[in-house]
Amino acid sequence: MRERVRSLLEGTREASPGELAADPGHVLWSQFHQLVRDAAPQVAVEVGSRARSGNLYRDWLPDTCRYVGFDVHAGPNVDVVGDAHRLSTHIDHGSVDVAWSISTFEHLAMPWVAAVELGRVMKLGGLVYVQSHQTWPVHDAPWDFWRFSKFAWDTLFNAYSGFEVIAAEMGEPASVRAHTQHPPTIGLEDQPSFLFSAVIARKIGDSDLRWEVPLDEVLRGSRYPAGEITP
């Protein structure tokens, strides 16, 4: 095991000062901060706000902005408990200026439903930032469903869901290495991979999209964290 770990670590290095700040994915997060400050928002919602690792993403907000932490479970930094698939049943329609979600969309069984729900609670012109994994190990099983490249975000945030994409990026280059070598996996570690991707989108209109699929049925009897829900 030690030899395998040592082999996997060959070629890796600790990030130099300022390197992460210059990474395109991290730059996008900074750009979102500036857009929000310029917009002087009154209400901000974070979807997936529970501070499980002690991480908080709210200190950069203007003092005049009211923060609402939304999560499927109660816990630190959570103000409202509910499922993102039914966000608009917990937060008033058209009441939110800015929203963001970090490392949460991969755990949503139907992220396209959550995107439309975000649109329902956002004000016209409101800004959304979503960051999720492009390459990452399976985690929080069995509630780990999706991976996103920067090319995926247009399929969630578009005119039909009530949005336009301002920018999308991938961040923190990585490598995937298979434990067994055969033609499809030879050289796999040389192909481009990234730890995460992110998008900034703006609400441009309302959407009447519906996805009438009961989560408890499509998850083959597994109980979703927020219970039985029909979006």
C-alpha atoms as a PDB file:
ATOM      1  CA  MET A   1       0.000   0.000   0.000  1.00  0.00           C
ATOM      2  CA  ARG A   2       2.772   2.458   0.892  1.00  0.00           C
ATOM      3  CA  GLU A   3       4.510   1.829  -2.425  1.00  0.00           C
ATOM      4  CA  ARG A   4       1.284   2.439  -4.344  1.00  0.00           C
ATOM      5  CA  VAL A   5       0.636   5.705  -2.480  1.00  0.00           C
ATOM      6  CA  ARG A   6       4.214   6.811  -3.078  1.00  0.00           C
ATOM      7  CA  SER A   7       3.837   6.042  -6.784  1.00  0.00           C
ATOM      8  CA  LEU A   8       0.590   8.001  -7.005  1.00  0.00           C
ATOM      9  CA  LEU A   9       2.190  11.002  -5.329  1.00  0.00           C
ATOM     10  CA  GLU A  10       5.110  11.184  -7.741  1.00  0.00           C
ATOM     11  CA  GLY A  11       4.881  14.369  -9.756  1.00  0.00           C
ATOM     12  CA  THR A  12       2.570  16.133  -7.302  1.00  0.00           C
ATOM     13  CA  ARG A  13       3.643  19.190  -5.371  1.00  0.00           C
ATOM     14  CA  GLU A  14       2.331  21.660  -2.856  1.00  0.00           C
ATOM     15  CA  ALA A  15       0.611  24.679  -4.364  1.00  0.00           C
ATOM     16  CA  SER A  16       2.833  27.762  -4.435  1.00  0.00           C
ATOM     17  CA  PRO A  17       1.630  31.036  -2.862  1.00  0.00           C
ATOM     18  CA  GLY A  18      -0.954  32.605  -5.094  1.00  0.00           C
ATOM     19  CA  GLU A  19      -1.192  29.591  -7.417  1.00  0.00           C
ATOM     20  CA  LEU A  20      -4.693  28.614  -6.345  1.00  0.00           C
ATOM     21  CA  ALA A  21      -5.786  32.250  -6.518  1.00  0.00           C
ATOM     22  CA  ALA A  22      -4.693  32.302 -10.174  1.00  0.00           C
ATOM     23  CA  ASP A  23      -6.437  29.033 -11.023  1.00  0.00           C
ATOM     24  CA  PRO A  24      -9.305  29.731 -13.497  1.00  0.00           C
ATOM     25  CA  GLY A  25     -11.835  27.983 -11.271  1.00  0.00           C
ATOM     26  CA  HIS A  26     -10.861  30.005  -8.216  1.00  0.00           C
ATOM     27  CA  VAL A  27     -10.768  33.200 -10.288  1.00  0.00           C
ATOM     28  CA  LEU A  28     -14.413  32.592 -11.189  1.00  0.00           C
ATOM     29  CA  TRP A  29     -15.356  32.524  -7.481  1.00  0.00           C
ATOM     30  CA  SER A  30     -13.588  35.870  -7.022  1.00  0.00           C
ATOM     31  CA  GLN A  31     -15.408  37.278 -10.051  1.00  0.00           C
ATOM     32  CA  PHE A  32     -18.698  36.203  -8.529  1.00  0.00           C
ATOM     33  CA  HIS A  33     -17.797  38.040  -5.320  1.00  0.00           C
ATOM     34  CA  GLN A  34     -17.181  41.239  -7.249  1.00  0.00           C
ATOM     35  CA  LEU A  35     -20.404  40.941  -9.250  1.00  0.00           C
ATOM     36  CA  VAL A  36     -22.345  40.478  -6.026  1.00  0.00           C
ATOM     37  CA  ARG A  37     -20.716  43.441  -4.312  1.00  0.00           C
ATOM     38  CA  ASP A  38     -21.476  45.629  -7.328  1.00  0.00           C
ATOM     39  CA  ALA A  39     -25.111  44.491  -7.240  1.00  0.00           C
ATOM     40  CA  ALA A  40     -25.532  45.404  -3.535  1.00  0.00           C
ATOM     41  CA  PRO A  41     -27.857  42.455  -2.784  1.00  0.00           C
ATOM     42  CA  GLN A  42     -30.390  42.422   0.031  1.00  0.00           C
ATOM     43  CA  VAL A  43     -30.901  38.649   0.395  1.00  0.00           C
ATOM     44  CA  ALA A  44     -28.434  35.809  -0.259  1.00  0.00           C
ATOM     45  CA  VAL A  45     -29.092  32.071  -0.054  1.00  0.00           C
ATOM     46  CA  GLU A  46     -26.497  29.331   0.158  1.00  0.00           C
ATOM     47  CA  VAL A  47     -27.772  25.892  -0.881  1.00  0.00           C
ATOM     48  CA  GLY A  48     -25.886  23.217   1.029  1.00  0.00           C
ATOM     49  CA  SER A  49     -24.752  25.568   3.784  1.00  0.00           C
ATOM     50  CA  ARG A  50     -24.073  23.111   6.607  1.00  0.00           C
ATOM     51  CA  ALA A  51     -20.523  23.689   7.870  1.00  0.00           C
ATOM     52  CA  ARG A  52     -19.584  20.014   8.027  1.00  0.00           C
ATOM     53  CA  SER A  53     -15.834  20.745   7.828  1.00  0.00           C
ATOM     54  CA  GLY A  54     -16.016  24.118   9.493  1.00  0.00           C
ATOM     55  CA  ASN A  55     -15.947  25.873   6.116  1.00  0.00           C
ATOM     56  CA  LEU A  56     -17.998  29.052   5.772  1.00  0.00           C
ATOM     57  CA  TYR A  57     -18.543  30.930   2.507  1.00  0.00           C
ATOM     58  CA  ARG A  58     -20.428  33.983   3.737  1.00  0.00           C
ATOM     59  CA  ASP A  59     -17.931  36.429   5.276  1.00  0.00           C
ATOM     60  CA  TRP A  60     -17.399  38.229   1.976  1.00  0.00           C
ATOM     61  CA  LEU A  61     -21.018  39.398   1.719  1.00  0.00           C
ATOM     62  CA  PRO A  62     -21.826  43.098   2.219  1.00  0.00           C
ATOM     63  CA  ASP A  63     -22.966  43.886   5.761  1.00  0.00           C
ATOM     64  CA  THR A  64     -26.346  45.031   4.449  1.00  0.00           C
ATOM     65  CA  CYS A  65     -27.101  41.638   2.873  1.00  0.00           C
ATOM     66  CA  ARG A  66     -29.189  39.099   4.814  1.00  0.00           C
ATOM     67  CA  TYR A  67     -27.746  35.590   4.585  1.00  0.00           C
ATOM     68  CA  VAL A  68     -29.914  32.453   4.611  1.00  0.00           C
ATOM     69  CA  GLY A  69     -28.227  29.076   4.973  1.00  0.00           C
ATOM     70  CA  PHE A  70     -30.278  26.266   3.394  1.00  0.00           C
ATOM     71  CA  ASP A  71     -29.480  22.578   3.835  1.00  0.00           C
ATOM     72  CA  VAL A  72     -31.146  19.178   3.796  1.00  0.00           C
ATOM     73  CA  HIS A  73     -30.026  18.613   7.412  1.00  0.00           C
ATOM     74  CA  ALA A  74     -29.971  20.873  10.458  1.00  0.00           C
ATOM     75  CA  GLY A  75     -26.551  21.858  11.724  1.00  0.00           C
ATOM     76  CA  PRO A  76     -24.004  24.670  11.993  1.00  0.00           C
ATOM     77  CA  ASN A  77     -24.701  27.555   9.589  1.00  0.00           C
ATOM     78  CA  VAL A  78     -28.168  26.241   8.638  1.00  0.00           C
ATOM     79  CA  ASP A  79     -31.154  28.597   8.920  1.00  0.00           C
ATOM     80  CA  VAL A  80     -33.700  26.672   6.849  1.00  0.00           C
ATOM     81  CA  VAL A  81     -33.912  22.884   6.560  1.00  0.00           C
ATOM     82  CA  GLY A  82     -35.315  21.459   3.332  1.00  0.00           C
ATOM     83  CA  ASP A  83     -34.563  19.766   0.028  1.00  0.00           C
ATOM     84  CA  ALA A  84     -33.165  21.800  -2.865  1.00  0.00           C
ATOM     85  CA  HIS A  85     -35.609  19.995  -5.156  1.00  0.00           C
ATOM     86  CA  ARG A  86     -38.375  21.910  -3.354  1.00  0.00           C
ATOM     87  CA  LEU A  87     -36.507  25.116  -2.566  1.00  0.00           C
ATOM     88  CA  SER A  88     -39.445  27.334  -3.517  1.00  0.00           C
ATOM     89  CA  THR A  89     -41.665  25.712  -0.880  1.00  0.00           C
ATOM     90  CA  HIS A  90     -39.299  27.029   1.803  1.00  0.00           C
ATOM     91  CA  ILE A  91     -38.215  30.391   0.372  1.00  0.00           C
ATOM     92  CA  ASP A  92     -40.515  33.006  -1.136  1.00  0.00           C
ATOM     93  CA  HIS A  93     -40.705  33.275  -4.901  1.00  0.00           C
ATOM     94  CA  GLY A  94     -38.726  36.165  -6.357  1.00  0.00           C
ATOM     95  CA  SER A  95     -37.182  37.121  -3.013  1.00  0.00           C
ATOM     96  CA  VAL A  96     -33.480  36.281  -3.480  1.00  0.00           C
ATOM     97  CA  ASP A  97     -30.829  38.514  -5.051  1.00  0.00           C
ATOM     98  CA  VAL A  98     -27.924  36.088  -5.029  1.00  0.00           C
ATOM     99  CA  ALA A  99     -27.458  32.373  -4.407  1.00  0.00           C
ATOM    100  CA  TRP A 100     -24.592  29.918  -4.441  1.00  0.00           C
ATOM    101  CA  SER A 101     -23.927  26.239  -3.882  1.00  0.00           C
ATOM    102  CA  ILE A 102     -20.538  24.598  -3.332  1.00  0.00           C
ATOM    103  CA  SER A 103     -19.917  20.833  -3.498  1.00  0.00           C
ATOM    104  CA  THR A 104     -23.638  20.089  -3.280  1.00  0.00           C
ATOM    105  CA  PHE A 105     -25.028  19.620  -6.800  1.00  0.00           C
ATOM    106  CA  GLU A 106     -23.283  16.255  -7.174  1.00  0.00           C
ATOM    107  CA  HIS A 107     -25.463  15.046  -4.269  1.00  0.00           C
ATOM    108  CA  LEU A 108     -28.759  16.199  -5.813  1.00  0.00           C
ATOM    109  CA  ALA A 109     -30.634  13.342  -7.446  1.00  0.00           C
ATOM    110  CA  MET A 110     -32.132  15.729 -10.020  1.00  0.00           C
ATOM    111  CA  PRO A 111     -29.965  18.858 -10.317  1.00  0.00           C
ATOM    112  CA  TRP A 112     -32.076  20.128 -13.225  1.00  0.00           C
ATOM    113  CA  VAL A 113     -35.027  20.364 -10.826  1.00  0.00           C
ATOM    114  CA  ALA A 114     -32.882  22.296  -8.345  1.00  0.00           C
ATOM    115  CA  ALA A 115     -31.812  24.710 -11.102  1.00  0.00           C
ATOM    116  CA  VAL A 116     -35.453  25.532 -11.910  1.00  0.00           C
ATOM    117  CA  GLU A 117     -36.217  25.868  -8.194  1.00  0.00           C
ATOM    118  CA  LEU A 118     -33.376  28.362  -7.862  1.00  0.00           C
ATOM    119  CA  GLY A 119     -34.967  30.359 -10.658  1.00  0.00           C
ATOM    120  CA  ARG A 120     -38.280  30.438  -8.833  1.00  0.00           C
ATOM    121  CA  VAL A 121     -36.836  32.027  -5.697  1.00  0.00           C
ATOM    122  CA  MET A 122     -34.484  34.423  -7.516  1.00  0.00           C
ATOM    123  CA  LYS A 123     -35.318  37.979  -8.476  1.00  0.00           C
ATOM    124  CA  LEU A 124     -35.025  38.914 -12.145  1.00  0.00           C
ATOM    125  CA  GLY A 125     -31.351  39.683 -12.738  1.00  0.00           C
ATOM    126  CA  GLY A 126     -30.307  37.689  -9.682  1.00  0.00           C
ATOM    127  CA  LEU A 127     -26.915  35.970  -9.715  1.00  0.00           C
ATOM    128  CA  VAL A 128     -26.177  32.290  -9.102  1.00  0.00           C
ATOM    129  CA  TYR A 129     -22.851  30.536  -8.570  1.00  0.00           C
ATOM    130  CA  VAL A 130     -22.622  26.736  -8.508  1.00  0.00           C
ATOM    131  CA  GLN A 131     -19.463  24.724  -7.969  1.00  0.00           C
ATOM    132  CA  SER A 132     -19.295  20.952  -8.091  1.00  0.00           C
ATOM    133  CA  HIS A 133     -16.832  18.189  -8.923  1.00  0.00           C
ATOM    134  CA  GLN A 134     -15.551  17.242 -12.347  1.00  0.00           C
ATOM    135  CA  THR A 135     -13.207  14.566 -10.973  1.00  0.00           C
ATOM    136  CA  TRP A 136     -13.540  13.310  -7.395  1.00  0.00           C
ATOM    137  CA  PRO A 137     -13.826   9.999  -5.538  1.00  0.00           C
ATOM    138  CA  VAL A 138     -17.242   8.659  -4.606  1.00  0.00           C
ATOM    139  CA  HIS A 139     -18.235  10.234  -1.295  1.00  0.00           C
ATOM    140  CA  ASP A 140     -21.279  10.405   0.992  1.00  0.00           C
ATOM    141  CA  ALA A 141     -22.538   7.218  -0.650  1.00  0.00           C
ATOM    142  CA  PRO A 142     -25.194   6.408  -1.649  1.00  0.00           C
ATOM    143  CA  TRP A 143     -26.016  10.115  -2.154  1.00  0.00           C
ATOM    144  CA  ASP A 144     -23.314  10.770  -4.766  1.00  0.00           C
ATOM    145  CA  PHE A 145     -24.913  11.028  -8.207  1.00  0.00           C
ATOM    146  CA  TRP A 146     -23.190  13.375 -10.667  1.00  0.00           C
ATOM    147  CA  ARG A 147     -19.967  14.927 -11.994  1.00  0.00           C
ATOM    148  CA  PHE A 148     -19.917  18.166 -14.017  1.00  0.00           C
ATOM    149  CA  SER A 149     -17.542  19.585 -16.601  1.00  0.00           C
ATOM    150  CA  LYS A 150     -17.777  23.258 -17.485  1.00  0.00           C
ATOM    151  CA  PHE A 151     -19.694  22.204 -20.588  1.00  0.00           C
ATOM    152  CA  ALA A 152     -22.525  20.770 -18.477  1.00  0.00           C
ATOM    153  CA  TRP A 153     -23.747  24.026 -16.971  1.00  0.00           C
ATOM    154  CA  ASP A 154     -25.483  25.267 -20.132  1.00  0.00           C
ATOM    155  CA  THR A 155     -27.750  22.226 -19.924  1.00  0.00           C
ATOM    156  CA  LEU A 156     -28.955  23.321 -16.467  1.00  0.00           C
ATOM    157  CA  PHE A 157     -28.846  27.112 -16.678  1.00  0.00           C
ATOM    158  CA  ASN A 158     -30.408  28.224 -19.952  1.00  0.00           C
ATOM    159  CA  ALA A 159     -33.358  30.213 -21.270  1.00  0.00           C
ATOM    160  CA  TYR A 160     -35.724  27.289 -20.696  1.00  0.00           C
ATOM    161  CA  SER A 161     -34.834  27.120 -16.999  1.00  0.00           C
ATOM    162  CA  GLY A 162     -34.864  30.929 -16.789  1.00  0.00           C
ATOM    163  CA  PHE A 163     -31.124  31.676 -16.868  1.00  0.00           C
ATOM    164  CA  GLU A 164     -28.195  32.723 -18.972  1.00  0.00           C
ATOM    165  CA  VAL A 165     -24.633  31.569 -18.274  1.00  0.00           C
ATOM    166  CA  ILE A 166     -22.196  34.414 -17.713  1.00  0.00           C
ATOM    167  CA  ALA A 167     -19.077  32.268 -17.384  1.00  0.00           C
ATOM    168  CA  ALA A 168     -18.026  28.696 -16.617  1.00  0.00           C
ATOM    169  CA  GLU A 169     -14.616  27.265 -15.779  1.00  0.00           C
ATOM    170  CA  MET A 170     -12.845  24.164 -14.512  1.00  0.00           C
ATOM    171  CA  GLY A 171     -10.303  24.359 -11.714  1.00  0.00           C
ATOM    172  CA  GLU A 172      -7.360  22.542 -10.145  1.00  0.00           C
ATOM    173  CA  PRO A 173      -5.914  20.206 -12.802  1.00  0.00           C
ATOM    174  CA  ALA A 174      -5.693  16.572 -11.751  1.00  0.00           C
ATOM    175  CA  SER A 175      -5.003  13.107 -13.138  1.00  0.00           C
ATOM    176  CA  VAL A 176      -6.989   9.880 -13.219  1.00  0.00           C
ATOM    177  CA  ARG A 177      -4.983   6.668 -12.966  1.00  0.00           C
ATOM    178  CA  ALA A 178      -6.497   3.222 -13.396  1.00  0.00           C
ATOM    179  CA  HIS A 179      -5.389   0.361 -11.137  1.00  0.00           C
ATOM    180  CA  THR A 180      -5.347  -1.971 -14.136  1.00  0.00           C
ATOM    181  CA  GLN A 181      -3.863  -1.233 -17.542  1.00  0.00           C
ATOM    182  CA  HIS A 182      -5.591  -2.211 -20.792  1.00  0.00           C
ATOM    183  CA  PRO A 183      -6.074  -0.313 -24.080  1.00  0.00           C
ATOM    184  CA  PRO A 184      -8.752   2.172 -22.878  1.00  0.00           C
ATOM    185  CA  THR A 185      -6.796   3.056 -19.698  1.00  0.00           C
ATOM    186  CA  ILE A 186      -3.257   3.308 -21.091  1.00  0.00           C
ATOM    187  CA  GLY A 187      -2.192   6.951 -20.860  1.00  0.00           C
ATOM    188  CA  LEU A 188      -5.370   7.910 -19.011  1.00  0.00           C
ATOM    189  CA  GLU A 189      -3.351   9.888 -16.463  1.00  0.00           C
ATOM    190  CA  ASP A 190      -2.129  12.172 -19.272  1.00  0.00           C
ATOM    191  CA  GLN A 191      -5.655  13.226 -20.242  1.00  0.00           C
ATOM    192  CA  PRO A 192      -7.109  16.489 -18.881  1.00  0.00           C
ATOM    193  CA  SER A 193      -9.038  16.220 -15.627  1.00  0.00           C
ATOM    194  CA  PHE A 194     -10.009  18.841 -13.068  1.00  0.00           C
ATOM    195  CA  LEU A 195     -11.118  18.598  -9.460  1.00  0.00           C
ATOM    196  CA  PHE A 196     -14.084  20.925  -9.932  1.00  0.00           C
ATOM    197  CA  SER A 197     -16.045  23.057 -12.340  1.00  0.00           C
ATOM    198  CA  ALA A 198     -18.134  26.143 -11.639  1.00  0.00           C
ATOM    199  CA  VAL A 199     -20.623  28.479 -13.279  1.00  0.00           C
ATOM    200  CA  ILE A 200     -21.958  31.996 -12.829  1.00  0.00           C
ATOM    201  CA  ALA A 201     -25.475  32.456 -14.186  1.00  0.00           C
ATOM    202  CA  ARG A 202     -28.053  35.223 -14.189  1.00  0.00           C
ATOM    203  CA  LYS A 203     -31.832  34.872 -14.000  1.00  0.00           C
ATOM    204  CA  ILE A 204     -33.381  36.299 -17.151  1.00  0.00           C
ATOM    205  CA  GLY A 205     -36.942  35.043 -16.924  1.00  0.00           C
ATOM    206  CA  ASP A 206     -39.421  32.639 -15.385  1.00  0.00           C
ATOM    207  CA  SER A 207     -39.731  28.953 -16.164  1.00  0.00           C
ATOM    208  CA  ASP A 208     -42.682  26.582 -16.089  1.00  0.00           C
ATOM    209  CA  LEU A 209     -40.563  23.431 -16.435  1.00  0.00           C
ATOM    210  CA  ARG A 210     -41.693  20.480 -14.327  1.00  0.00           C
ATOM    211  CA  TRP A 211     -40.214  17.058 -13.711  1.00  0.00           C
ATOM    212  CA  GLU A 212     -42.944  15.000 -12.096  1.00  0.00           C
ATOM    213  CA  VAL A 213     -40.821  12.065 -10.969  1.00  0.00           C
ATOM    214  CA  PRO A 214     -41.053  10.742  -7.368  1.00  0.00           C
ATOM    215  CA  LEU A 215     -37.557  10.500  -5.930  1.00  0.00           C
ATOM    216  CA  ASP A 216     -38.420   7.572  -3.697  1.00  0.00           C
ATOM    217  CA  GLU A 217     -39.342   5.538  -6.792  1.00  0.00           C
ATOM    218  CA  VAL A 218     -36.366   6.342  -8.999  1.00  0.00           C
ATOM    219  CA  LEU A 219     -33.953   5.717  -6.119  1.00  0.00           C
ATOM    220  CA  ARG A 220     -35.243   2.144  -5.941  1.00  0.00           C
ATOM    221  CA  GLY A 221     -36.640   2.372  -2.451  1.00  0.00           C
ATOM    222  CA  SER A 222     -33.712   4.189  -0.869  1.00  0.00           C
ATOM    223  CA  ARG A 223     -34.875   6.971   1.398  1.00  0.00           C
ATOM    224  CA  TYR A 224     -33.626  10.340   0.175  1.00  0.00           C
ATOM    225  CA  PRO A 225     -32.201  12.487   3.010  1.00  0.00           C
ATOM    226  CA  ALA A 226     -35.185  14.848   3.052  1.00  0.00           C
ATOM    227  CA  GLY A 227     -37.776  12.089   2.833  1.00  0.00           C
ATOM    228  CA  GLU A 228     -40.213  11.177   0.103  1.00  0.00           C
ATOM    229  CA  ILE A 229     -40.565  14.071  -2.318  1.00  0.00           C
ATOM    230  CA  THR A 230     -42.318  14.624  -5.610  1.00  0.00           C
ATOM    231  CA  PRO A 231     -40.726  17.669  -7.328  1.00  0.00           C
END
